[in-house]
Each structure stands twice: as C-alpha cells, then as structure tokens.
Amino acid sequence: MLAGTDRVAVDAVAIAILRSLGTTDAVSSGSIWQLEQIQRAVELGLGASSAEQIELVTADSASQTMADQIRQLLTI
C-alpha cells in the first residue's frame, strides 16, 4: 500500500516501485526527478523536489527492506 499527502512524493515512489519490479523499460534511464511530469509538478510547487524530502514509513522488516531499495532508486 502506498499513501501520502504529497502528490509528487507519491508519484516518485510509485515510479521507483515500478522500476524495482522491472515493469518499466526506464530502470536505467536516469533520475526519476528528471522525468518531465515530475519536474513540472516540482516547478508548480505541488510537492517534494528531492528524495531527501520523502519519508518512507514501514510496518515490518520486509517492508523496510523494500523501502531501502526504493530509496536507492529515488536517489539515482
């Protein structure tokens, strides 16, 4: 489950999840933060502008492991 109050953060994390699962061809295509839609949302002030502004909260160790993988993808 993914939930949040920051629309940009939720979108960025969702993209990272898709990349981690191999469901997109964009795994090695660069930073999530360079994607046109994410850049535009940041320009409009709709939410987070970097991975450092995103807090991933988990309930168990398995979720924490996935969150660690997601964090790496967010910082590329």
C-alpha atoms as a PDB file:
ATOM      1  CA  MET A   1       0.000   0.000   0.000  1.00  0.00           C
ATOM      2  CA  LEU A   2       1.249   3.458  -0.856  1.00  0.00           C
ATOM      3  CA  ALA A   3      -0.294   6.531   0.716  1.00  0.00           C
ATOM      4  CA  GLY A   4       0.759  10.094   1.299  1.00  0.00           C
ATOM      5  CA  THR A   5      -0.265  13.719   1.341  1.00  0.00           C
ATOM      6  CA  ASP A   6       2.455  14.852  -1.077  1.00  0.00           C
ATOM      7  CA  ARG A   7       1.373  14.171  -4.654  1.00  0.00           C
ATOM      8  CA  VAL A   8       4.873  14.431  -6.093  1.00  0.00           C
ATOM      9  CA  ALA A   9       6.337  12.129  -3.452  1.00  0.00           C
ATOM     10  CA  VAL A  10       3.645   9.526  -4.060  1.00  0.00           C
ATOM     11  CA  ASP A  11       4.240   9.659  -7.814  1.00  0.00           C
ATOM     12  CA  ALA A  12       8.029   9.455  -7.408  1.00  0.00           C
ATOM     13  CA  VAL A  13       7.766   6.476  -5.051  1.00  0.00           C
ATOM     14  CA  ALA A  14       5.274   4.761  -7.372  1.00  0.00           C
ATOM     15  CA  ILE A  15       7.714   5.142 -10.277  1.00  0.00           C
ATOM     16  CA  ALA A  16      10.515   3.748  -8.107  1.00  0.00           C
ATOM     17  CA  ILE A  17       8.331   0.761  -7.190  1.00  0.00           C
ATOM     18  CA  LEU A  18       7.563   0.086 -10.857  1.00  0.00           C
ATOM     19  CA  ARG A  19      11.253   0.305 -11.684  1.00  0.00           C
ATOM     20  CA  SER A  20      12.158  -2.051  -8.819  1.00  0.00           C
ATOM     21  CA  LEU A  21       9.685  -4.609 -10.139  1.00  0.00           C
ATOM     22  CA  GLY A  22      11.043  -4.349 -13.668  1.00  0.00           C
ATOM     23  CA  THR A  23       7.692  -3.281 -15.086  1.00  0.00           C
ATOM     24  CA  THR A  24       9.142  -0.339 -16.986  1.00  0.00           C
ATOM     25  CA  ASP A  25      11.945  -0.040 -19.510  1.00  0.00           C
ATOM     26  CA  ALA A  26      13.097   3.021 -17.618  1.00  0.00           C
ATOM     27  CA  VAL A  27      15.122   1.190 -14.960  1.00  0.00           C
ATOM     28  CA  SER A  28      18.359   2.651 -16.238  1.00  0.00           C
ATOM     29  CA  SER A  29      17.031   5.734 -17.973  1.00  0.00           C
ATOM     30  CA  GLY A  30      18.093   8.216 -15.334  1.00  0.00           C
ATOM     31  CA  SER A  31      16.748  10.023 -12.377  1.00  0.00           C
ATOM     32  CA  ILE A  32      13.071   9.966 -11.523  1.00  0.00           C
ATOM     33  CA  TRP A  33      13.493  13.655 -10.725  1.00  0.00           C
ATOM     34  CA  GLN A  34      14.395  14.353 -14.377  1.00  0.00           C
ATOM     35  CA  LEU A  35      11.107  12.990 -15.713  1.00  0.00           C
ATOM     36  CA  GLU A  36       9.118  15.736 -17.418  1.00  0.00           C
ATOM     37  CA  GLN A  37       5.946  15.301 -15.354  1.00  0.00           C
ATOM     38  CA  ILE A  38       7.842  15.193 -12.052  1.00  0.00           C
ATOM     39  CA  GLN A  39       9.878  18.280 -12.995  1.00  0.00           C
ATOM     40  CA  ARG A  40       6.725  20.181 -13.934  1.00  0.00           C
ATOM     41  CA  ALA A  41       4.976  19.237 -10.691  1.00  0.00           C
ATOM     42  CA  VAL A  42       8.025  20.437  -8.729  1.00  0.00           C
ATOM     43  CA  GLU A  43       8.043  23.700 -10.716  1.00  0.00           C
ATOM     44  CA  LEU A  44       4.400  24.208  -9.761  1.00  0.00           C
ATOM     45  CA  GLY A  45       5.235  23.620  -6.099  1.00  0.00           C
ATOM     46  CA  LEU A  46       2.995  20.570  -5.796  1.00  0.00           C
ATOM     47  CA  GLY A  47       5.330  18.608  -3.542  1.00  0.00           C
ATOM     48  CA  ALA A  48       8.742  17.157  -2.860  1.00  0.00           C
ATOM     49  CA  SER A  49      11.631  18.190  -5.070  1.00  0.00           C
ATOM     50  CA  SER A  50      14.121  15.527  -3.972  1.00  0.00           C
ATOM     51  CA  ALA A  51      14.368  12.101  -2.353  1.00  0.00           C
ATOM     52  CA  GLU A  52      15.627  13.700   0.846  1.00  0.00           C
ATOM     53  CA  GLN A  53      12.185  15.268   1.333  1.00  0.00           C
ATOM     54  CA  ILE A  54      10.414  11.905   1.274  1.00  0.00           C
ATOM     55  CA  GLU A  55       9.880   9.794   4.390  1.00  0.00           C
ATOM     56  CA  LEU A  56       9.137   6.116   3.833  1.00  0.00           C
ATOM     57  CA  VAL A  57       7.291   4.633   6.823  1.00  0.00           C
ATOM     58  CA  THR A  58       7.098   0.853   7.129  1.00  0.00           C
ATOM     59  CA  ALA A  59       5.442  -1.609   9.491  1.00  0.00           C
ATOM     60  CA  ASP A  60       7.839  -4.562   9.385  1.00  0.00           C
ATOM     61  CA  SER A  61      11.312  -5.666   8.337  1.00  0.00           C
ATOM     62  CA  ALA A  62      10.226  -6.972   4.937  1.00  0.00           C
ATOM     63  CA  SER A  63       8.662  -3.612   4.152  1.00  0.00           C
ATOM     64  CA  GLN A  64      11.785  -1.845   5.386  1.00  0.00           C
ATOM     65  CA  THR A  65      13.903  -3.914   3.000  1.00  0.00           C
ATOM     66  CA  MET A  66      11.706  -2.836   0.094  1.00  0.00           C
ATOM     67  CA  ALA A  67      11.756   0.777   1.304  1.00  0.00           C
ATOM     68  CA  ASP A  68      15.562   0.678   1.295  1.00  0.00           C
ATOM     69  CA  GLN A  69      15.504  -0.496  -2.339  1.00  0.00           C
ATOM     70  CA  ILE A  70      13.011   2.219  -3.239  1.00  0.00           C
ATOM     71  CA  ARG A  71      15.147   4.862  -1.517  1.00  0.00           C
ATOM     72  CA  GLN A  72      18.108   3.868  -3.706  1.00  0.00           C
ATOM     73  CA  LEU A  73      16.040   4.263  -6.847  1.00  0.00           C
ATOM     74  CA  LEU A  74      14.793   7.652  -5.683  1.00  0.00           C
ATOM     75  CA  THR A  75      18.313   8.971  -5.201  1.00  0.00           C
ATOM     76  CA  ILE A  76      19.677   7.957  -8.608  1.00  0.00           C
END
